[in-house]
Amino acid sequence: MKKYYTILALLLISVYCQAQSPEQNLKNAMGDLNKVKRIVKVFGMVNSTETFTDQSKVINGFSDLMIQVFGDKGKHARSAVGMIALPMNMAVEIEMIVEVEN
């Protein structure tokens, strides 16, 4: 049976608070980054005005980071949307599904 984790906003909240890197928070949530089989899906929410339409370009940076950290295992499906407001006035919130080894 495949094992998946959904990491909700965990990654970029820490960056916002300047606590740890995104990959360190993923490691904290899972215990070991070597368990990552693949990044399945990323859902990026960008704090936007009604006239801003480049949300996908903002989330490209996160996608590029996951590929840089995990190589081919970091390639994923992705959605990017604009939001009128995000918690703590964050610029970006990320939800992602990660397949991990048992």
PDB file of N, CA and C in Angstrom:
ATOM      1  N   MET A   1       0.836  -1.173   0.000  1.00  0.00           N
ATOM      2  CA  MET A   1       0.000   0.000   0.000  1.00  0.00           C
ATOM      3  C   MET A   1       0.889   1.248   0.000  1.00  0.00           C
ATOM      4  N   LYS A   2       0.558   2.212  -0.848  1.00  0.00           N
ATOM      5  CA  LYS A   2       1.305   3.460  -0.900  1.00  0.00           C
ATOM      6  C   LYS A   2       0.975   4.306   0.317  1.00  0.00           C
ATOM      7  N   LYS A   3       1.962   5.025   0.774  1.00  0.00           N
ATOM      8  CA  LYS A   3       1.772   5.892   1.928  1.00  0.00           C
ATOM      9  C   LYS A   3       1.985   7.333   1.473  1.00  0.00           C
ATOM     10  N   TYR A   4       1.011   8.189   1.758  1.00  0.00           N
ATOM     11  CA  TYR A   4       1.070   9.583   1.354  1.00  0.00           C
ATOM     12  C   TYR A   4       0.974  10.479   2.581  1.00  0.00           C
ATOM     13  N   TYR A   5       1.628  11.611   2.511  1.00  0.00           N
ATOM     14  CA  TYR A   5       1.480  12.650   3.515  1.00  0.00           C
ATOM     15  C   TYR A   5       0.953  13.886   2.815  1.00  0.00           C
ATOM     16  N   THR A   6       0.058  14.570   3.457  1.00  0.00           N
ATOM     17  CA  THR A   6      -0.355  15.872   2.969  1.00  0.00           C
ATOM     18  C   THR A   6       0.259  16.905   3.894  1.00  0.00           C
ATOM     19  N   ILE A   7       1.076  17.755   3.336  1.00  0.00           N
ATOM     20  CA  ILE A   7       1.750  18.785   4.110  1.00  0.00           C
ATOM     21  C   ILE A   7       0.992  20.081   3.851  1.00  0.00           C
ATOM     22  N   LEU A   8       0.283  20.572   4.837  1.00  0.00           N
ATOM     23  CA  LEU A   8      -0.567  21.735   4.663  1.00  0.00           C
ATOM     24  C   LEU A   8       0.122  22.987   5.183  1.00  0.00           C
ATOM     25  N   ALA A   9       0.517  23.837   4.287  1.00  0.00           N
ATOM     26  CA  ALA A   9       1.036  25.149   4.634  1.00  0.00           C
ATOM     27  C   ALA A   9       2.259  25.107   5.541  1.00  0.00           C
ATOM     28  N   LEU A  10       2.700  23.943   5.897  1.00  0.00           N
ATOM     29  CA  LEU A  10       3.802  23.792   6.836  1.00  0.00           C
ATOM     30  C   LEU A  10       5.081  24.421   6.310  1.00  0.00           C
ATOM     31  N   LEU A  11       5.301  24.299   5.031  1.00  0.00           N
ATOM     32  CA  LEU A  11       6.575  24.714   4.471  1.00  0.00           C
ATOM     33  C   LEU A  11       6.764  26.218   4.479  1.00  0.00           C
ATOM     34  N   LEU A  12       5.814  26.932   3.939  1.00  0.00           N
ATOM     35  CA  LEU A  12       6.038  28.360   3.804  1.00  0.00           C
ATOM     36  C   LEU A  12       5.689  29.152   5.050  1.00  0.00           C
ATOM     37  N   ILE A  13       4.935  28.590   5.961  1.00  0.00           N
ATOM     38  CA  ILE A  13       4.727  29.274   7.239  1.00  0.00           C
ATOM     39  C   ILE A  13       6.070  29.434   7.927  1.00  0.00           C
ATOM     40  N   SER A  14       6.903  28.407   7.877  1.00  0.00           N
ATOM     41  CA  SER A  14       8.202  28.500   8.544  1.00  0.00           C
ATOM     42  C   SER A  14       9.095  29.519   7.859  1.00  0.00           C
ATOM     43  N   VAL A  15       9.018  29.596   6.534  1.00  0.00           N
ATOM     44  CA  VAL A  15       9.814  30.589   5.829  1.00  0.00           C
ATOM     45  C   VAL A  15       9.338  31.980   6.216  1.00  0.00           C
ATOM     46  N   TYR A  16       8.018  32.150   6.322  1.00  0.00           N
ATOM     47  CA  TYR A  16       7.451  33.429   6.732  1.00  0.00           C
ATOM     48  C   TYR A  16       7.970  33.816   8.118  1.00  0.00           C
ATOM     49  N   CYS A  17       8.019  32.844   9.009  1.00  0.00           N
ATOM     50  CA  CYS A  17       8.494  33.088  10.369  1.00  0.00           C
ATOM     51  C   CYS A  17      10.015  33.021  10.456  1.00  0.00           C
ATOM     52  N   GLN A  18      10.689  32.735   9.371  1.00  0.00           N
ATOM     53  CA  GLN A  18      12.136  32.627   9.291  1.00  0.00           C
ATOM     54  C   GLN A  18      12.678  31.589  10.266  1.00  0.00           C
ATOM     55  N   ALA A  19      11.930  30.511  10.446  1.00  0.00           N
ATOM     56  CA  ALA A  19      12.339  29.476  11.388  1.00  0.00           C
ATOM     57  C   ALA A  19      13.258  28.456  10.732  1.00  0.00           C
ATOM     58  N   GLN A  20      12.811  27.848   9.638  1.00  0.00           N
ATOM     59  CA  GLN A  20      13.581  26.797   8.983  1.00  0.00           C
ATOM     60  C   GLN A  20      13.304  26.831   7.491  1.00  0.00           C
ATOM     61  N   SER A  21      14.102  26.083   6.745  1.00  0.00           N
ATOM     62  CA  SER A  21      13.912  25.995   5.305  1.00  0.00           C
ATOM     63  C   SER A  21      12.729  25.078   4.989  1.00  0.00           C
ATOM     64  N   PRO A  22      12.142  25.199   3.782  1.00  0.00           N
ATOM     65  CA  PRO A  22      11.032  24.307   3.419  1.00  0.00           C
ATOM     66  C   PRO A  22      11.395  22.840   3.510  1.00  0.00           C
ATOM     67  N   GLU A  23      12.599  22.476   3.027  1.00  0.00           N
ATOM     68  CA  GLU A  23      12.970  21.061   3.074  1.00  0.00           C
ATOM     69  C   GLU A  23      13.182  20.580   4.505  1.00  0.00           C
ATOM     70  N   GLN A  24      13.618  21.463   5.418  1.00  0.00           N
ATOM     71  CA  GLN A  24      13.771  21.075   6.822  1.00  0.00           C
ATOM     72  C   GLN A  24      12.402  20.809   7.454  1.00  0.00           C
ATOM     73  N   ASN A  25      11.392  21.598   7.103  1.00  0.00           N
ATOM     74  CA  ASN A  25      10.056  21.350   7.635  1.00  0.00           C
ATOM     75  C   ASN A  25       9.460  20.068   7.097  1.00  0.00           C
ATOM     76  N   LEU A  26       9.728  19.749   5.840  1.00  0.00           N
ATOM     77  CA  LEU A  26       9.271  18.480   5.288  1.00  0.00           C
ATOM     78  C   LEU A  26       9.949  17.333   6.032  1.00  0.00           C
ATOM     79  N   LYS A  27      11.237  17.468   6.294  1.00  0.00           N
ATOM     80  CA  LYS A  27      11.968  16.448   7.046  1.00  0.00           C
ATOM     81  C   LYS A  27      11.388  16.305   8.452  1.00  0.00           C
ATOM     82  N   ASN A  28      11.072  17.422   9.104  1.00  0.00           N
ATOM     83  CA  ASN A  28      10.483  17.370  10.446  1.00  0.00           C
ATOM     84  C   ASN A  28       9.135  16.654  10.431  1.00  0.00           C
ATOM     85  N   ALA A  29       8.349  16.873   9.390  1.00  0.00           N
ATOM     86  CA  ALA A  29       7.028  16.248   9.309  1.00  0.00           C
ATOM     87  C   ALA A  29       7.121  14.753   9.042  1.00  0.00           C
ATOM     88  N   MET A  30       8.126  14.331   8.249  1.00  0.00           N
ATOM     89  CA  MET A  30       8.226  12.939   7.835  1.00  0.00           C
ATOM     90  C   MET A  30       9.291  12.148   8.580  1.00  0.00           C
ATOM     91  N   GLY A  31      10.269  12.814   9.125  1.00  0.00           N
ATOM     92  CA  GLY A  31      11.340  12.128   9.833  1.00  0.00           C
ATOM     93  C   GLY A  31      12.610  11.975   9.030  1.00  0.00           C
ATOM     94  N   ASP A  32      12.505  11.798   7.701  1.00  0.00           N
ATOM     95  CA  ASP A  32      13.686  11.550   6.880  1.00  0.00           C
ATOM     96  C   ASP A  32      13.361  11.867   5.421  1.00  0.00           C
ATOM     97  N   LEU A  33      14.107  12.786   4.823  1.00  0.00           N
ATOM     98  CA  LEU A  33      13.854  13.147   3.427  1.00  0.00           C
ATOM     99  C   LEU A  33      14.162  11.996   2.466  1.00  0.00           C
ATOM    100  N   ASN A  34      14.966  11.045   2.883  1.00  0.00           N
ATOM    101  CA  ASN A  34      15.265   9.898   2.024  1.00  0.00           C
ATOM    102  C   ASN A  34      14.051   8.995   1.833  1.00  0.00           C
ATOM    103  N   LYS A  35      13.021   9.165   2.641  1.00  0.00           N
ATOM    104  CA  LYS A  35      11.790   8.382   2.494  1.00  0.00           C
ATOM    105  C   LYS A  35      10.906   8.904   1.362  1.00  0.00           C
ATOM    106  N   VAL A  36      11.207  10.094   0.848  1.00  0.00           N
ATOM    107  CA  VAL A  36      10.382  10.673  -0.214  1.00  0.00           C
ATOM    108  C   VAL A  36      10.541   9.857  -1.484  1.00  0.00           C
ATOM    109  N   LYS A  37       9.427   9.283  -1.957  1.00  0.00           N
ATOM    110  CA  LYS A  37       9.430   8.581  -3.245  1.00  0.00           C
ATOM    111  C   LYS A  37       9.169   9.567  -4.369  1.00  0.00           C
ATOM    112  N   ARG A  38       8.263  10.513  -4.106  1.00  0.00           N
ATOM    113  CA  ARG A  38       7.980  11.559  -5.097  1.00  0.00           C
ATOM    114  C   ARG A  38       7.074  12.615  -4.489  1.00  0.00           C
ATOM    115  N   ILE A  39       7.159  13.797  -5.046  1.00  0.00           N
ATOM    116  CA  ILE A  39       6.207  14.862  -4.749  1.00  0.00           C
ATOM    117  C   ILE A  39       5.069  14.643  -5.742  1.00  0.00           C
ATOM    118  N   VAL A  40       3.869  14.393  -5.233  1.00  0.00           N
ATOM    119  CA  VAL A  40       2.739  14.045  -6.100  1.00  0.00           C
ATOM    120  C   VAL A  40       2.067  15.292  -6.646  1.00  0.00           C
ATOM    121  N   LYS A  41       1.675  16.200  -5.745  1.00  0.00           N
ATOM    122  CA  LYS A  41       0.912  17.378  -6.161  1.00  0.00           C
ATOM    123  C   LYS A  41       1.214  18.541  -5.247  1.00  0.00           C
ATOM    124  N   VAL A  42       1.275  19.721  -5.832  1.00  0.00           N
ATOM    125  CA  VAL A  42       1.451  20.970  -5.091  1.00  0.00           C
ATOM    126  C   VAL A  42       0.279  21.875  -5.425  1.00  0.00           C
ATOM    127  N   PHE A  43      -0.310  22.461  -4.390  1.00  0.00           N
ATOM    128  CA  PHE A  43      -1.367  23.458  -4.558  1.00  0.00           C
ATOM    129  C   PHE A  43      -0.857  24.744  -3.932  1.00  0.00           C
ATOM    130  N   GLY A  44      -0.603  25.744  -4.767  1.00  0.00           N
ATOM    131  CA  GLY A  44      -0.058  27.013  -4.283  1.00  0.00           C
ATOM    132  C   GLY A  44      -1.100  28.110  -4.289  1.00  0.00           C
ATOM    133  N   MET A  45      -1.211  28.787  -3.148  1.00  0.00           N
ATOM    134  CA  MET A  45      -2.140  29.910  -3.004  1.00  0.00           C
ATOM    135  C   MET A  45      -1.321  31.184  -2.825  1.00  0.00           C
ATOM    136  N   VAL A  46      -1.566  32.166  -3.676  1.00  0.00           N
ATOM    137  CA  VAL A  46      -0.793  33.396  -3.681  1.00  0.00           C
ATOM    138  C   VAL A  46      -1.690  34.546  -3.249  1.00  0.00           C
ATOM    139  N   ASN A  47      -1.262  35.278  -2.230  1.00  0.00           N
ATOM    140  CA  ASN A  47      -1.979  36.459  -1.767  1.00  0.00           C
ATOM    141  C   ASN A  47      -1.920  37.494  -2.893  1.00  0.00           C
ATOM    142  N   SER A  48      -3.068  37.869  -3.461  1.00  0.00           N
ATOM    143  CA  SER A  48      -3.079  38.668  -4.684  1.00  0.00           C
ATOM    144  C   SER A  48      -4.130  39.764  -4.654  1.00  0.00           C
ATOM    145  N   THR A  49      -3.851  40.787  -5.428  1.00  0.00           N
ATOM    146  CA  THR A  49      -4.882  41.782  -5.705  1.00  0.00           C
ATOM    147  C   THR A  49      -5.732  41.244  -6.854  1.00  0.00           C
ATOM    148  N   GLU A  50      -6.840  41.888  -7.116  1.00  0.00           N
ATOM    149  CA  GLU A  50      -7.721  41.394  -8.183  1.00  0.00           C
ATOM    150  C   GLU A  50      -7.117  41.563  -9.573  1.00  0.00           C
ATOM    151  N   THR A  51      -6.107  42.403  -9.719  1.00  0.00           N
ATOM    152  CA  THR A  51      -5.509  42.610 -11.045  1.00  0.00           C
ATOM    153  C   THR A  51      -4.243  41.779 -11.270  1.00  0.00           C
ATOM    154  N   PHE A  52      -3.731  41.104 -10.233  1.00  0.00           N
ATOM    155  CA  PHE A  52      -2.522  40.290 -10.375  1.00  0.00           C
ATOM    156  C   PHE A  52      -2.894  38.943 -10.980  1.00  0.00           C
ATOM    157  N   THR A  53      -2.216  38.552 -12.057  1.00  0.00           N
ATOM    158  CA  THR A  53      -2.571  37.310 -12.754  1.00  0.00           C
ATOM    159  C   THR A  53      -1.385  36.365 -12.967  1.00  0.00           C
ATOM    160  N   ASP A  54      -0.281  36.594 -12.292  1.00  0.00           N
ATOM    161  CA  ASP A  54       0.915  35.769 -12.481  1.00  0.00           C
ATOM    162  C   ASP A  54       1.153  34.794 -11.330  1.00  0.00           C
ATOM    163  N   GLN A  55       0.087  34.260 -10.759  1.00  0.00           N
ATOM    164  CA  GLN A  55       0.225  33.319  -9.652  1.00  0.00           C
ATOM    165  C   GLN A  55       1.079  32.114 -10.033  1.00  0.00           C
ATOM    166  N   SER A  56       0.908  31.622 -11.255  1.00  0.00           N
ATOM    167  CA  SER A  56       1.686  30.450 -11.668  1.00  0.00           C
ATOM    168  C   SER A  56       3.184  30.742 -11.674  1.00  0.00           C
ATOM    169  N   LYS A  57       3.569  31.943 -12.020  1.00  0.00           N
ATOM    170  CA  LYS A  57       4.992  32.302 -12.012  1.00  0.00           C
ATOM    171  C   LYS A  57       5.542  32.320 -10.586  1.00  0.00           C
ATOM    172  N   VAL A  58       4.726  32.735  -9.636  1.00  0.00           N
ATOM    173  CA  VAL A  58       5.158  32.748  -8.233  1.00  0.00           C
ATOM    174  C   VAL A  58       5.407  31.318  -7.756  1.00  0.00           C
ATOM    175  N   ILE A  59       4.486  30.406  -8.061  1.00  0.00           N
ATOM    176  CA  ILE A  59       4.597  29.024  -7.600  1.00  0.00           C
ATOM    177  C   ILE A  59       5.679  28.263  -8.373  1.00  0.00           C
ATOM    178  N   ASN A  60       6.060  28.752  -9.554  1.00  0.00           N
ATOM    179  CA  ASN A  60       7.171  28.140 -10.281  1.00  0.00           C
ATOM    180  C   ASN A  60       8.423  28.075  -9.417  1.00  0.00           C
ATOM    181  N   GLY A  61       8.658  29.088  -8.598  1.00  0.00           N
ATOM    182  CA  GLY A  61       9.830  29.100  -7.728  1.00  0.00           C
ATOM    183  C   GLY A  61       9.827  27.938  -6.757  1.00  0.00           C
ATOM    184  N   PHE A  62       8.667  27.631  -6.188  1.00  0.00           N
ATOM    185  CA  PHE A  62       8.567  26.497  -5.272  1.00  0.00           C
ATOM    186  C   PHE A  62       8.758  25.188  -6.020  1.00  0.00           C
ATOM    187  N   SER A  63       8.151  25.066  -7.185  1.00  0.00           N
ATOM    188  CA  SER A  63       8.309  23.854  -7.993  1.00  0.00           C
ATOM    189  C   SER A  63       9.779  23.640  -8.349  1.00  0.00           C
ATOM    190  N   ASP A  64      10.447  24.709  -8.740  1.00  0.00           N
ATOM    191  CA  ASP A  64      11.868  24.611  -9.074  1.00  0.00           C
ATOM    192  C   ASP A  64      12.687  24.162  -7.866  1.00  0.00           C
ATOM    193  N   LEU A  65      12.347  24.653  -6.677  1.00  0.00           N
ATOM    194  CA  LEU A  65      13.053  24.248  -5.461  1.00  0.00           C
ATOM    195  C   LEU A  65      12.870  22.755  -5.185  1.00  0.00           C
ATOM    196  N   MET A  66      11.643  22.244  -5.344  1.00  0.00           N
ATOM    197  CA  MET A  66      11.400  20.822  -5.098  1.00  0.00           C
ATOM    198  C   MET A  66      12.199  19.947  -6.078  1.00  0.00           C
ATOM    199  N   ILE A  67      12.316  20.387  -7.321  1.00  0.00           N
ATOM    200  CA  ILE A  67      13.103  19.646  -8.307  1.00  0.00           C
ATOM    201  C   ILE A  67      14.590  19.744  -7.977  1.00  0.00           C
ATOM    202  N   GLN A  68      15.024  20.904  -7.508  1.00  0.00           N
ATOM    203  CA  GLN A  68      16.419  21.079  -7.118  1.00  0.00           C
ATOM    204  C   GLN A  68      16.773  20.182  -5.929  1.00  0.00           C
ATOM    205  N   VAL A  69      15.868  20.067  -4.969  1.00  0.00           N
ATOM    206  CA  VAL A  69      16.117  19.271  -3.764  1.00  0.00           C
ATOM    207  C   VAL A  69      15.990  17.777  -4.047  1.00  0.00           C
ATOM    208  N   PHE A  70      14.948  17.358  -4.793  1.00  0.00           N
ATOM    209  CA  PHE A  70      14.630  15.937  -4.958  1.00  0.00           C
ATOM    210  C   PHE A  70      14.934  15.377  -6.346  1.00  0.00           C
ATOM    211  N   GLY A  71      15.399  16.183  -7.268  1.00  0.00           N
ATOM    212  CA  GLY A  71      15.660  15.704  -8.627  1.00  0.00           C
ATOM    213  C   GLY A  71      14.359  15.304  -9.306  1.00  0.00           C
ATOM    214  N   ASP A  72      14.371  14.214 -10.063  1.00  0.00           N
ATOM    215  CA  ASP A  72      13.169  13.767 -10.776  1.00  0.00           C
ATOM    216  C   ASP A  72      12.022  13.442  -9.826  1.00  0.00           C
ATOM    217  N   LYS A  73      12.338  13.037  -8.600  1.00  0.00           N
ATOM    218  CA  LYS A  73      11.286  12.743  -7.616  1.00  0.00           C
ATOM    219  C   LYS A  73      10.534  14.010  -7.220  1.00  0.00           C
ATOM    220  N   GLY A  74      11.105  15.173  -7.498  1.00  0.00           N
ATOM    221  CA  GLY A  74      10.468  16.440  -7.149  1.00  0.00           C
ATOM    222  C   GLY A  74       9.510  16.968  -8.192  1.00  0.00           C
ATOM    223  N   LYS A  75       9.463  16.319  -9.368  1.00  0.00           N
ATOM    224  CA  LYS A  75       8.525  16.747 -10.423  1.00  0.00           C
ATOM    225  C   LYS A  75       7.114  16.362 -10.011  1.00  0.00           C
ATOM    226  N   HIS A  76       6.147  17.257 -10.214  1.00  0.00           N
ATOM    227  CA  HIS A  76       4.818  17.063  -9.645  1.00  0.00           C
ATOM    228  C   HIS A  76       3.743  17.748 -10.477  1.00  0.00           C
ATOM    229  N   ALA A  77       2.499  17.335 -10.226  1.00  0.00           N
ATOM    230  CA  ALA A  77       1.339  18.065 -10.745  1.00  0.00           C
ATOM    231  C   ALA A  77       1.185  19.307  -9.889  1.00  0.00           C
ATOM    232  N   ARG A  78       0.576  20.348 -10.445  1.00  0.00           N
ATOM    233  CA  ARG A  78       0.529  21.585  -9.686  1.00  0.00           C
ATOM    234  C   ARG A  78      -0.657  22.451 -10.067  1.00  0.00           C
ATOM    235  N   SER A  79      -1.176  23.152  -9.068  1.00  0.00           N
ATOM    236  CA  SER A  79      -2.195  24.172  -9.275  1.00  0.00           C
ATOM    237  C   SER A  79      -1.720  25.436  -8.576  1.00  0.00           C
ATOM    238  N   ALA A  80      -2.045  26.577  -9.148  1.00  0.00           N
ATOM    239  CA  ALA A  80      -1.713  27.858  -8.537  1.00  0.00           C
ATOM    240  C   ALA A  80      -2.922  28.774  -8.666  1.00  0.00           C
ATOM    241  N   VAL A  81      -3.333  29.353  -7.544  1.00  0.00           N
ATOM    242  CA  VAL A  81      -4.497  30.241  -7.550  1.00  0.00           C
ATOM    243  C   VAL A  81      -4.196  31.504  -6.749  1.00  0.00           C
ATOM    244  N   GLY A  82      -4.957  32.535  -7.026  1.00  0.00           N
ATOM    245  CA  GLY A  82      -4.860  33.777  -6.273  1.00  0.00           C
ATOM    246  C   GLY A  82      -5.901  33.796  -5.160  1.00  0.00           C
ATOM    247  N   MET A  83      -5.523  34.360  -4.033  1.00  0.00           N
ATOM    248  CA  MET A  83      -6.420  34.492  -2.883  1.00  0.00           C
ATOM    249  C   MET A  83      -6.473  35.956  -2.463  1.00  0.00           C
ATOM    250  N   ILE A  84      -7.618  36.387  -2.005  1.00  0.00           N
ATOM    251  CA  ILE A  84      -7.775  37.768  -1.555  1.00  0.00           C
ATOM    252  C   ILE A  84      -7.048  38.003  -0.232  1.00  0.00           C
ATOM    253  N   ALA A  85      -6.898  36.942   0.588  1.00  0.00           N
ATOM    254  CA  ALA A  85      -6.180  37.043   1.859  1.00  0.00           C
ATOM    255  C   ALA A  85      -5.711  35.655   2.274  1.00  0.00           C
ATOM    256  N   LEU A  86      -4.590  35.610   2.991  1.00  0.00           N
ATOM    257  CA  LEU A  86      -4.054  34.371   3.539  1.00  0.00           C
ATOM    258  C   LEU A  86      -3.773  34.582   5.029  1.00  0.00           C
ATOM    259  N   PRO A  87      -3.720  33.504   5.811  1.00  0.00           N
ATOM    260  CA  PRO A  87      -3.461  33.635   7.242  1.00  0.00           C
ATOM    261  C   PRO A  87      -2.166  34.397   7.523  1.00  0.00           C
ATOM    262  N   MET A  88      -2.176  35.191   8.555  1.00  0.00           N
ATOM    263  CA  MET A  88      -1.022  35.979   8.981  1.00  0.00           C
ATOM    264  C   MET A  88      -0.493  36.874   7.863  1.00  0.00           C
ATOM    265  N   ASN A  89      -1.349  37.183   6.900  1.00  0.00           N
ATOM    266  CA  ASN A  89      -0.989  38.021   5.760  1.00  0.00           C
ATOM    267  C   ASN A  89       0.221  37.473   4.987  1.00  0.00           C
ATOM    268  N   MET A  90       0.351  36.131   4.963  1.00  0.00           N
ATOM    269  CA  MET A  90       1.448  35.504   4.216  1.00  0.00           C
ATOM    270  C   MET A  90       1.321  35.810   2.736  1.00  0.00           C
ATOM    271  N   ALA A  91       2.435  35.826   2.049  1.00  0.00           N
ATOM    272  CA  ALA A  91       2.416  36.046   0.605  1.00  0.00           C
ATOM    273  C   ALA A  91       1.988  34.786  -0.133  1.00  0.00           C
ATOM    274  N   VAL A  92       2.415  33.617   0.365  1.00  0.00           N
ATOM    275  CA  VAL A  92       2.153  32.349  -0.315  1.00  0.00           C
ATOM    276  C   VAL A  92       1.877  31.266   0.719  1.00  0.00           C
ATOM    277  N   GLU A  93       0.922  30.396   0.410  1.00  0.00           N
ATOM    278  CA  GLU A  93       0.660  29.207   1.217  1.00  0.00           C
ATOM    279  C   GLU A  93       0.720  28.004   0.285  1.00  0.00           C
ATOM    280  N   ILE A  94       1.355  26.938   0.745  1.00  0.00           N
ATOM    281  CA  ILE A  94       1.536  25.735  -0.071  1.00  0.00           C
ATOM    282  C   ILE A  94       0.902  24.536   0.618  1.00  0.00           C
ATOM    283  N   GLU A  95       0.167  23.744  -0.160  1.00  0.00           N
ATOM    284  CA  GLU A  95      -0.307  22.435   0.282  1.00  0.00           C
ATOM    285  C   GLU A  95       0.292  21.444  -0.696  1.00  0.00           C
ATOM    286  N   MET A  96       0.863  20.361  -0.178  1.00  0.00           N
ATOM    287  CA  MET A  96       1.405  19.375  -1.109  1.00  0.00           C
ATOM    288  C   MET A  96       1.198  17.966  -0.613  1.00  0.00           C
ATOM    289  N   ILE A  97       1.116  17.060  -1.560  1.00  0.00           N
ATOM    290  CA  ILE A  97       0.977  15.635  -1.270  1.00  0.00           C
ATOM    291  C   ILE A  97       2.290  14.972  -1.651  1.00  0.00           C
ATOM    292  N   VAL A  98       2.851  14.237  -0.707  1.00  0.00           N
ATOM    293  CA  VAL A  98       4.146  13.582  -0.878  1.00  0.00           C
ATOM    294  C   VAL A  98       3.985  12.083  -0.695  1.00  0.00           C
ATOM    295  N   GLU A  99       4.440  11.285  -1.650  1.00  0.00           N
ATOM    296  CA  GLU A  99       4.449   9.832  -1.489  1.00  0.00           C
ATOM    297  C   GLU A  99       5.758   9.453  -0.817  1.00  0.00           C
ATOM    298  N   VAL A 100       5.645   8.641   0.249  1.00  0.00           N
ATOM    299  CA  VAL A 100       6.831   8.238   0.995  1.00  0.00           C
ATOM    300  C   VAL A 100       6.901   6.729   1.095  1.00  0.00           C
ATOM    301  N   GLU A 101       8.123   6.227   1.304  1.00  0.00           N
ATOM    302  CA  GLU A 101       8.310   4.793   1.508  1.00  0.00           C
ATOM    303  C   GLU A 101       7.893   4.429   2.921  1.00  0.00           C
ATOM    304  N   ASN A 102       7.408   3.190   3.085  1.00  0.00           N
ATOM    305  CA  ASN A 102       7.020   2.720   4.411  1.00  0.00           C
ATOM    306  C   ASN A 102       8.234   2.506   5.290  1.00  0.00           C
TER     307      ASN A 102
END
